[in-house]
Amino acid sequence: MSVLSETQNPQRPVEGVSVVGEAVRGVQPESAEFLLEITTTAPNAAQSLRDNHVKATQVTQSIATLGVQPVDIQTISLNVYNLYSQPLTALPNYGGAPQMAQGAFGQPEVQFGSYQTRKVVRVNVREPGRVGDIADAAVRAGGIVVGAFNFRVTDEAAARRAALEAAGRDARAKAETLAAAAGKQLGDAVVVTEDIIATNGTYAALRAAVPFAFGAGAPPVTGDLEYYARVSARYRFQ
C-alpha cells in the first residue's frame, strides 16, 4: 500500500492512494467428478468391443448401488487399437530354424495380433463425500481411475463473484485507513483492476510456492474449496 501523486492535469496534481485488496471465500463442495477408463483386449475388433461393453455395464451396475445414475455417466472417448508384433528377421538361423516370411522389398510381413478397446467415461458424483467409495467400487469392477477427483459447487460464478466483491471491499477499507492516517478524506475510485481469481486450492499452492508475493495481511486458507480474489485499486483524495 502506498500514497501516490497522480498528475492528470499538469496544472492540478491529484493526490490519492493505491492499495491491494484480498479475500478468500471457503465453499463446501456440492458435487464431484472423476474420469474412469475401461480397457479390454481380444483377438479381433468385434470381440474387443463386445467385451468392453460388457465390462462397462458391470462397472455401471457396481456404482449404481452407491447412487450413481446412468445420466451421471458420460462417455468421453471410445477407441479401438490394433496391437501387432513385427517379426525379427535379423537374428541368425540357429539350429536350422526356418526364417520368417519376407514381404515386399524384403521387409518382414506384419503379423497382426490382438485388438484393444479403451473407453473413457466421466462419472458425476452427487454426494461428494461418497466419491472415494464410488471410485473403489468402479476399480473393483474393472475400471481404472484416470487423473484426480474434481470437486465443484453448483454456482461457481456466484462463489467467484463473492470473493471478488469481498476483495473490493477490503481494498476500500485499506484505502480509508491510509487516507485517515494522512489526514485526508477518501474520494472516488480512479482505477480498480482484477489481479487474480484462483479456485480449488490454487491460492494455497501459490502462497506455498511464492509467499513473498502475498502481504502479511493475506487472508488464511479456510473451507474445502477456496475462491481467492485480489484487486488493485487507486482512489483520489477529496
C-alpha atoms as a PDB file:
ATOM      1  CA  MET A   1       0.000   0.000   0.000  1.00  0.00           C
ATOM      2  CA  SER A   2       1.345   3.423  -0.857  1.00  0.00           C
ATOM      3  CA  VAL A   3       0.318   7.033  -1.134  1.00  0.00           C
ATOM      4  CA  LEU A   4       0.736   8.459  -4.620  1.00  0.00           C
ATOM      5  CA  SER A   5       0.502  11.707  -6.511  1.00  0.00           C
ATOM      6  CA  GLU A   6      -1.139  11.459  -9.916  1.00  0.00           C
ATOM      7  CA  THR A   7      -0.917  14.260 -12.454  1.00  0.00           C
ATOM      8  CA  GLN A   8      -3.873  14.108 -14.796  1.00  0.00           C
ATOM      9  CA  ASN A   9      -3.665  17.851 -15.357  1.00  0.00           C
ATOM     10  CA  PRO A  10      -0.158  19.394 -15.229  1.00  0.00           C
ATOM     11  CA  GLN A  11      -1.611  22.468 -13.526  1.00  0.00           C
ATOM     12  CA  ARG A  12      -3.566  20.483 -10.914  1.00  0.00           C
ATOM     13  CA  PRO A  13      -1.855  17.447  -9.354  1.00  0.00           C
ATOM     14  CA  VAL A  14      -4.280  14.881  -7.952  1.00  0.00           C
ATOM     15  CA  GLU A  15      -3.315  13.131  -4.725  1.00  0.00           C
ATOM     16  CA  GLY A  16      -4.568   9.692  -3.908  1.00  0.00           C
ATOM     17  CA  VAL A  17      -3.763   6.256  -2.589  1.00  0.00           C
ATOM     18  CA  SER A  18      -3.033   2.879  -4.216  1.00  0.00           C
ATOM     19  CA  VAL A  19      -3.964  -0.345  -2.424  1.00  0.00           C
ATOM     20  CA  VAL A  20      -4.317  -4.092  -2.954  1.00  0.00           C
ATOM     21  CA  GLY A  21      -7.426  -5.844  -1.644  1.00  0.00           C
ATOM     22  CA  GLU A  22      -7.576  -9.587  -0.967  1.00  0.00           C
ATOM     23  CA  ALA A  23     -10.255 -12.047   0.068  1.00  0.00           C
ATOM     24  CA  VAL A  24     -10.802 -15.798   0.347  1.00  0.00           C
ATOM     25  CA  ARG A  25     -14.225 -17.411   0.437  1.00  0.00           C
ATOM     26  CA  GLY A  26     -14.456 -21.034   1.565  1.00  0.00           C
ATOM     27  CA  VAL A  27     -17.243 -23.084  -0.004  1.00  0.00           C
ATOM     28  CA  GLN A  28     -18.350 -26.634   0.729  1.00  0.00           C
ATOM     29  CA  PRO A  29     -18.265 -28.821  -2.415  1.00  0.00           C
ATOM     30  CA  GLU A  30     -21.667 -29.879  -3.709  1.00  0.00           C
ATOM     31  CA  SER A  31     -20.569 -32.498  -6.244  1.00  0.00           C
ATOM     32  CA  ALA A  32     -17.501 -34.326  -7.507  1.00  0.00           C
ATOM     33  CA  GLU A  33     -16.399 -35.953 -10.736  1.00  0.00           C
ATOM     34  CA  PHE A  34     -13.612 -38.179 -11.986  1.00  0.00           C
ATOM     35  CA  LEU A  35     -12.590 -39.958 -15.188  1.00  0.00           C
ATOM     36  CA  LEU A  36     -12.729 -43.724 -15.496  1.00  0.00           C
ATOM     37  CA  GLU A  37     -11.034 -45.854 -18.160  1.00  0.00           C
ATOM     38  CA  ILE A  38     -12.387 -49.274 -19.160  1.00  0.00           C
ATOM     39  CA  THR A  39      -9.986 -51.403 -21.233  1.00  0.00           C
ATOM     40  CA  THR A  40     -10.472 -54.803 -22.888  1.00  0.00           C
ATOM     41  CA  THR A  41      -8.329 -56.896 -25.240  1.00  0.00           C
ATOM     42  CA  ALA A  42      -9.489 -59.625 -27.645  1.00  0.00           C
ATOM     43  CA  PRO A  43      -8.237 -61.457 -30.764  1.00  0.00           C
ATOM     44  CA  ASN A  44     -10.498 -59.395 -33.041  1.00  0.00           C
ATOM     45  CA  ALA A  45     -12.074 -55.939 -33.012  1.00  0.00           C
ATOM     46  CA  ALA A  46     -15.671 -57.104 -32.766  1.00  0.00           C
ATOM     47  CA  GLN A  47     -14.972 -59.264 -29.721  1.00  0.00           C
ATOM     48  CA  SER A  48     -12.959 -56.482 -28.067  1.00  0.00           C
ATOM     49  CA  LEU A  49     -15.868 -54.056 -28.481  1.00  0.00           C
ATOM     50  CA  ARG A  50     -18.370 -56.590 -27.119  1.00  0.00           C
ATOM     51  CA  ASP A  51     -16.162 -57.352 -24.128  1.00  0.00           C
ATOM     52  CA  ASN A  52     -15.729 -53.661 -23.440  1.00  0.00           C
ATOM     53  CA  HIS A  53     -19.491 -53.119 -23.473  1.00  0.00           C
ATOM     54  CA  VAL A  54     -19.976 -55.995 -21.009  1.00  0.00           C
ATOM     55  CA  LYS A  55     -17.239 -54.686 -18.725  1.00  0.00           C
ATOM     56  CA  ALA A  56     -18.617 -51.132 -18.850  1.00  0.00           C
ATOM     57  CA  THR A  57     -22.046 -52.485 -17.912  1.00  0.00           C
ATOM     58  CA  GLN A  58     -20.544 -54.293 -14.919  1.00  0.00           C
ATOM     59  CA  VAL A  59     -18.812 -51.098 -13.778  1.00  0.00           C
ATOM     60  CA  THR A  60     -22.019 -49.108 -14.184  1.00  0.00           C
ATOM     61  CA  GLN A  61     -24.009 -51.642 -12.181  1.00  0.00           C
ATOM     62  CA  SER A  62     -21.416 -51.721  -9.412  1.00  0.00           C
ATOM     63  CA  ILE A  63     -21.570 -47.956  -8.810  1.00  0.00           C
ATOM     64  CA  ALA A  64     -25.335 -47.736  -9.341  1.00  0.00           C
ATOM     65  CA  THR A  65     -25.777 -49.353  -5.920  1.00  0.00           C
ATOM     66  CA  LEU A  66     -23.977 -46.295  -4.448  1.00  0.00           C
ATOM     67  CA  GLY A  67     -26.347 -43.788  -6.028  1.00  0.00           C
ATOM     68  CA  VAL A  68     -24.706 -43.120  -9.404  1.00  0.00           C
ATOM     69  CA  GLN A  69     -27.448 -42.914 -12.030  1.00  0.00           C
ATOM     70  CA  PRO A  70     -26.983 -43.623 -15.769  1.00  0.00           C
ATOM     71  CA  VAL A  71     -27.363 -39.892 -16.501  1.00  0.00           C
ATOM     72  CA  ASP A  72     -24.330 -39.272 -14.254  1.00  0.00           C
ATOM     73  CA  ILE A  73     -22.044 -41.306 -16.540  1.00  0.00           C
ATOM     74  CA  GLN A  74     -20.915 -39.591 -19.742  1.00  0.00           C
ATOM     75  CA  THR A  75     -18.738 -41.229 -22.399  1.00  0.00           C
ATOM     76  CA  ILE A  76     -15.730 -39.052 -23.274  1.00  0.00           C
ATOM     77  CA  SER A  77     -13.972 -41.269 -25.803  1.00  0.00           C
ATOM     78  CA  LEU A  78     -14.094 -44.763 -27.306  1.00  0.00           C
ATOM     79  CA  ASN A  79     -11.095 -46.052 -29.283  1.00  0.00           C
ATOM     80  CA  VAL A  80     -10.037 -49.389 -30.727  1.00  0.00           C
ATOM     81  CA  TYR A  81      -6.320 -50.100 -31.230  1.00  0.00           C
ATOM     82  CA  ASN A  82      -4.734 -52.868 -33.260  1.00  0.00           C
ATOM     83  CA  LEU A  83      -1.850 -54.344 -31.281  1.00  0.00           C
ATOM     84  CA  TYR A  84       0.501 -56.114 -33.658  1.00  0.00           C
ATOM     85  CA  SER A  85       4.012 -57.513 -33.497  1.00  0.00           C
ATOM     86  CA  GLN A  86       6.633 -57.225 -36.217  1.00  0.00           C
ATOM     87  CA  PRO A  87       8.767 -60.365 -36.549  1.00  0.00           C
ATOM     88  CA  LEU A  88      12.530 -60.004 -36.185  1.00  0.00           C
ATOM     89  CA  THR A  89      14.447 -61.223 -39.248  1.00  0.00           C
ATOM     90  CA  ALA A  90      17.948 -60.081 -38.382  1.00  0.00           C
ATOM     91  CA  LEU A  91      18.563 -62.954 -35.962  1.00  0.00           C
ATOM     92  CA  PRO A  92      20.829 -65.768 -37.195  1.00  0.00           C
ATOM     93  CA  ASN A  93      19.315 -69.103 -38.216  1.00  0.00           C
ATOM     94  CA  TYR A  94      20.201 -71.087 -35.114  1.00  0.00           C
ATOM     95  CA  GLY A  95      19.777 -74.845 -35.266  1.00  0.00           C
ATOM     96  CA  GLY A  96      18.361 -74.737 -38.762  1.00  0.00           C
ATOM     97  CA  ALA A  97      15.202 -72.910 -37.638  1.00  0.00           C
ATOM     98  CA  PRO A  98      13.291 -71.570 -40.645  1.00  0.00           C
ATOM     99  CA  GLN A  99      13.489 -67.858 -41.336  1.00  0.00           C
ATOM    100  CA  MET A 100      10.306 -65.787 -41.028  1.00  0.00           C
ATOM    101  CA  ALA A 101       8.477 -64.927 -44.192  1.00  0.00           C
ATOM    102  CA  GLN A 102       9.556 -61.866 -46.146  1.00  0.00           C
ATOM    103  CA  GLY A 103       7.138 -59.370 -47.618  1.00  0.00           C
ATOM    104  CA  ALA A 104       7.571 -56.968 -50.493  1.00  0.00           C
ATOM    105  CA  PHE A 105      11.001 -55.357 -50.922  1.00  0.00           C
ATOM    106  CA  GLY A 106      12.481 -57.767 -48.395  1.00  0.00           C
ATOM    107  CA  GLN A 107      10.566 -56.264 -45.470  1.00  0.00           C
ATOM    108  CA  PRO A 108       9.096 -58.614 -42.837  1.00  0.00           C
ATOM    109  CA  GLU A 109       5.388 -59.283 -43.088  1.00  0.00           C
ATOM    110  CA  VAL A 110       3.255 -57.616 -40.400  1.00  0.00           C
ATOM    111  CA  GLN A 111       1.706 -60.198 -38.128  1.00  0.00           C
ATOM    112  CA  PHE A 112      -1.449 -58.799 -36.597  1.00  0.00           C
ATOM    113  CA  GLY A 113      -2.239 -59.741 -33.041  1.00  0.00           C
ATOM    114  CA  SER A 114      -4.951 -58.550 -30.677  1.00  0.00           C
ATOM    115  CA  TYR A 115      -7.292 -55.560 -30.544  1.00  0.00           C
ATOM    116  CA  GLN A 116      -7.639 -53.295 -27.542  1.00  0.00           C
ATOM    117  CA  THR A 117     -10.685 -51.142 -26.801  1.00  0.00           C
ATOM    118  CA  ARG A 118     -10.390 -48.201 -24.436  1.00  0.00           C
ATOM    119  CA  LYS A 119     -13.434 -46.336 -23.200  1.00  0.00           C
ATOM    120  CA  VAL A 120     -13.164 -43.235 -21.010  1.00  0.00           C
ATOM    121  CA  VAL A 121     -16.203 -42.008 -19.099  1.00  0.00           C
ATOM    122  CA  ARG A 122     -16.817 -39.100 -16.761  1.00  0.00           C
ATOM    123  CA  VAL A 123     -18.545 -40.058 -13.521  1.00  0.00           C
ATOM    124  CA  ASN A 124     -20.509 -37.338 -11.744  1.00  0.00           C
ATOM    125  CA  VAL A 125     -20.968 -37.901  -8.009  1.00  0.00           C
ATOM    126  CA  ARG A 126     -23.895 -36.032  -6.485  1.00  0.00           C
ATOM    127  CA  GLU A 127     -22.690 -36.660  -2.915  1.00  0.00           C
ATOM    128  CA  PRO A 128     -19.006 -35.632  -2.805  1.00  0.00           C
ATOM    129  CA  GLY A 129     -18.488 -37.469   0.465  1.00  0.00           C
ATOM    130  CA  ARG A 130     -19.037 -40.769  -1.348  1.00  0.00           C
ATOM    131  CA  VAL A 131     -16.617 -40.214  -4.237  1.00  0.00           C
ATOM    132  CA  GLY A 132     -13.952 -42.441  -2.667  1.00  0.00           C
ATOM    133  CA  ASP A 133     -16.337 -45.360  -2.172  1.00  0.00           C
ATOM    134  CA  ILE A 134     -17.668 -44.995  -5.722  1.00  0.00           C
ATOM    135  CA  ALA A 135     -14.172 -44.925  -7.229  1.00  0.00           C
ATOM    136  CA  ASP A 136     -13.178 -48.009  -5.223  1.00  0.00           C
ATOM    137  CA  ALA A 137     -16.270 -49.889  -6.422  1.00  0.00           C
ATOM    138  CA  ALA A 138     -15.544 -48.954 -10.040  1.00  0.00           C
ATOM    139  CA  VAL A 139     -11.949 -50.173  -9.748  1.00  0.00           C
ATOM    140  CA  ARG A 140     -13.052 -53.473  -8.207  1.00  0.00           C
ATOM    141  CA  ALA A 141     -15.385 -53.946 -11.188  1.00  0.00           C
ATOM    142  CA  GLY A 142     -12.501 -53.495 -13.631  1.00  0.00           C
ATOM    143  CA  GLY A 143     -12.246 -49.751 -14.230  1.00  0.00           C
ATOM    144  CA  ILE A 144      -9.152 -47.552 -13.905  1.00  0.00           C
ATOM    145  CA  VAL A 145      -9.351 -44.091 -12.329  1.00  0.00           C
ATOM    146  CA  VAL A 146      -7.642 -41.523 -14.581  1.00  0.00           C
ATOM    147  CA  GLY A 147      -6.342 -38.291 -13.041  1.00  0.00           C
ATOM    148  CA  ALA A 148      -7.620 -36.568  -9.922  1.00  0.00           C
ATOM    149  CA  PHE A 149     -11.032 -36.046  -8.360  1.00  0.00           C
ATOM    150  CA  ASN A 150     -12.575 -32.684  -9.206  1.00  0.00           C
ATOM    151  CA  PHE A 151     -14.837 -31.139  -6.556  1.00  0.00           C
ATOM    152  CA  ARG A 152     -17.307 -28.484  -7.641  1.00  0.00           C
ATOM    153  CA  VAL A 153     -20.043 -26.144  -6.474  1.00  0.00           C
ATOM    154  CA  THR A 154     -23.317 -25.704  -8.336  1.00  0.00           C
ATOM    155  CA  ASP A 155     -22.972 -21.943  -8.848  1.00  0.00           C
ATOM    156  CA  GLU A 156     -19.241 -21.407  -9.224  1.00  0.00           C
ATOM    157  CA  ALA A 157     -19.760 -17.974 -10.795  1.00  0.00           C
ATOM    158  CA  ALA A 158     -21.507 -16.770  -7.624  1.00  0.00           C
ATOM    159  CA  ALA A 159     -18.637 -18.038  -5.449  1.00  0.00           C
ATOM    160  CA  ARG A 160     -16.059 -16.259  -7.607  1.00  0.00           C
ATOM    161  CA  ARG A 161     -18.148 -13.077  -7.608  1.00  0.00           C
ATOM    162  CA  ALA A 162     -18.460 -13.146  -3.806  1.00  0.00           C
ATOM    163  CA  ALA A 163     -14.686 -13.403  -3.435  1.00  0.00           C
ATOM    164  CA  LEU A 164     -14.135 -10.568  -5.909  1.00  0.00           C
ATOM    165  CA  GLU A 165     -16.651  -8.296  -4.160  1.00  0.00           C
ATOM    166  CA  ALA A 166     -15.041  -9.035  -0.788  1.00  0.00           C
ATOM    167  CA  ALA A 167     -11.607  -8.179  -2.203  1.00  0.00           C
ATOM    168  CA  GLY A 168     -13.012  -4.869  -3.452  1.00  0.00           C
ATOM    169  CA  ARG A 169     -14.383  -4.070  -0.002  1.00  0.00           C
ATOM    170  CA  ASP A 170     -11.012  -4.959   1.520  1.00  0.00           C
ATOM    171  CA  ALA A 171      -9.285  -2.554  -0.855  1.00  0.00           C
ATOM    172  CA  ARG A 172     -11.712   0.233   0.083  1.00  0.00           C
ATOM    173  CA  ALA A 173     -11.164  -0.354   3.815  1.00  0.00           C
ATOM    174  CA  LYS A 174      -7.385  -0.216   3.398  1.00  0.00           C
ATOM    175  CA  ALA A 175      -7.627   2.968   1.366  1.00  0.00           C
ATOM    176  CA  GLU A 176      -9.807   4.604   4.027  1.00  0.00           C
ATOM    177  CA  THR A 177      -7.269   3.663   6.719  1.00  0.00           C
ATOM    178  CA  LEU A 178      -4.401   5.182   4.739  1.00  0.00           C
ATOM    179  CA  ALA A 179      -6.383   8.311   3.939  1.00  0.00           C
ATOM    180  CA  ALA A 180      -7.224   8.816   7.606  1.00  0.00           C
ATOM    181  CA  ALA A 181      -3.556   8.312   8.548  1.00  0.00           C
ATOM    182  CA  ALA A 182      -2.641  11.030   6.057  1.00  0.00           C
ATOM    183  CA  GLY A 183      -5.345  13.338   7.388  1.00  0.00           C
ATOM    184  CA  LYS A 184      -7.359  13.133   4.197  1.00  0.00           C
ATOM    185  CA  GLN A 185     -10.865  12.153   3.143  1.00  0.00           C
ATOM    186  CA  LEU A 186     -11.110   9.332   0.653  1.00  0.00           C
ATOM    187  CA  GLY A 187     -12.756  10.147  -2.662  1.00  0.00           C
ATOM    188  CA  ASP A 188     -13.904   8.083  -5.632  1.00  0.00           C
ATOM    189  CA  ALA A 189     -12.014   5.172  -7.138  1.00  0.00           C
ATOM    190  CA  VAL A 190      -9.881   6.146 -10.134  1.00  0.00           C
ATOM    191  CA  VAL A 191      -8.876   2.636 -11.253  1.00  0.00           C
ATOM    192  CA  VAL A 192      -9.885  -0.836  -9.983  1.00  0.00           C
ATOM    193  CA  THR A 193      -8.203  -3.865 -11.583  1.00  0.00           C
ATOM    194  CA  GLU A 194      -8.731  -7.559 -11.006  1.00  0.00           C
ATOM    195  CA  ASP A 195      -5.347  -9.229 -10.461  1.00  0.00           C
ATOM    196  CA  ILE A 196      -6.075 -12.845  -9.544  1.00  0.00           C
ATOM    197  CA  ILE A 197      -9.061 -15.150  -9.252  1.00  0.00           C
ATOM    198  CA  ALA A 198      -7.894 -18.566  -8.024  1.00  0.00           C
ATOM    199  CA  THR A 199     -10.027 -21.583  -7.161  1.00  0.00           C
ATOM    200  CA  ASN A 200      -9.862 -25.123  -5.797  1.00  0.00           C
ATOM    201  CA  GLY A 201      -6.557 -24.995  -3.933  1.00  0.00           C
ATOM    202  CA  THR A 202      -4.660 -22.712  -6.305  1.00  0.00           C
ATOM    203  CA  TYR A 203      -4.398 -19.961  -3.683  1.00  0.00           C
ATOM    204  CA  ALA A 204      -2.850 -22.297  -1.104  1.00  0.00           C
ATOM    205  CA  ALA A 205      -0.378 -23.577  -3.705  1.00  0.00           C
ATOM    206  CA  LEU A 206       0.586 -20.029  -4.707  1.00  0.00           C
ATOM    207  CA  ARG A 207       1.165 -18.983  -1.099  1.00  0.00           C
ATOM    208  CA  ALA A 208       3.359 -22.046  -0.535  1.00  0.00           C
ATOM    209  CA  ALA A 209       5.382 -21.508  -3.726  1.00  0.00           C
ATOM    210  CA  VAL A 210       5.784 -17.702  -3.635  1.00  0.00           C
ATOM    211  CA  PRO A 211       4.993 -16.473  -0.109  1.00  0.00           C
ATOM    212  CA  PHE A 212       6.751 -13.165  -0.807  1.00  0.00           C
ATOM    213  CA  ALA A 213       4.026 -12.305  -3.320  1.00  0.00           C
ATOM    214  CA  PHE A 214       1.444 -12.080  -0.536  1.00  0.00           C
ATOM    215  CA  GLY A 215       1.481  -9.495   2.215  1.00  0.00           C
ATOM    216  CA  ALA A 216       1.461 -10.173   5.933  1.00  0.00           C
ATOM    217  CA  GLY A 217      -2.258  -9.442   5.973  1.00  0.00           C
ATOM    218  CA  ALA A 218      -3.109 -12.034   3.321  1.00  0.00           C
ATOM    219  CA  PRO A 219      -6.221 -13.982   4.328  1.00  0.00           C
ATOM    220  CA  PRO A 220      -5.803 -17.522   5.679  1.00  0.00           C
ATOM    221  CA  VAL A 221      -6.952 -20.601   3.824  1.00  0.00           C
ATOM    222  CA  THR A 222     -10.383 -21.732   5.001  1.00  0.00           C
ATOM    223  CA  GLY A 223     -13.023 -24.202   3.889  1.00  0.00           C
ATOM    224  CA  ASP A 224     -12.818 -27.100   1.458  1.00  0.00           C
ATOM    225  CA  LEU A 225     -12.896 -25.121  -1.798  1.00  0.00           C
ATOM    226  CA  GLU A 226     -11.154 -21.753  -1.656  1.00  0.00           C
ATOM    227  CA  TYR A 227     -12.058 -18.919  -4.000  1.00  0.00           C
ATOM    228  CA  TYR A 228      -9.345 -16.272  -3.739  1.00  0.00           C
ATOM    229  CA  ALA A 229      -9.527 -12.812  -5.302  1.00  0.00           C
ATOM    230  CA  ARG A 230      -7.056  -9.930  -5.374  1.00  0.00           C
ATOM    231  CA  VAL A 231      -7.712  -6.490  -6.809  1.00  0.00           C
ATOM    232  CA  SER A 232      -5.574  -3.392  -7.243  1.00  0.00           C
ATOM    233  CA  ALA A 233      -7.363  -0.098  -6.647  1.00  0.00           C
ATOM    234  CA  ARG A 234      -6.471   3.587  -6.832  1.00  0.00           C
ATOM    235  CA  TYR A 235      -8.531   6.255  -5.066  1.00  0.00           C
ATOM    236  CA  ARG A 236      -8.264  10.005  -5.124  1.00  0.00           C
ATOM    237  CA  PHE A 237      -8.346  12.188  -2.041  1.00  0.00           C
ATOM    238  CA  GLN A 238     -11.190  14.659  -1.661  1.00  0.00           C
END
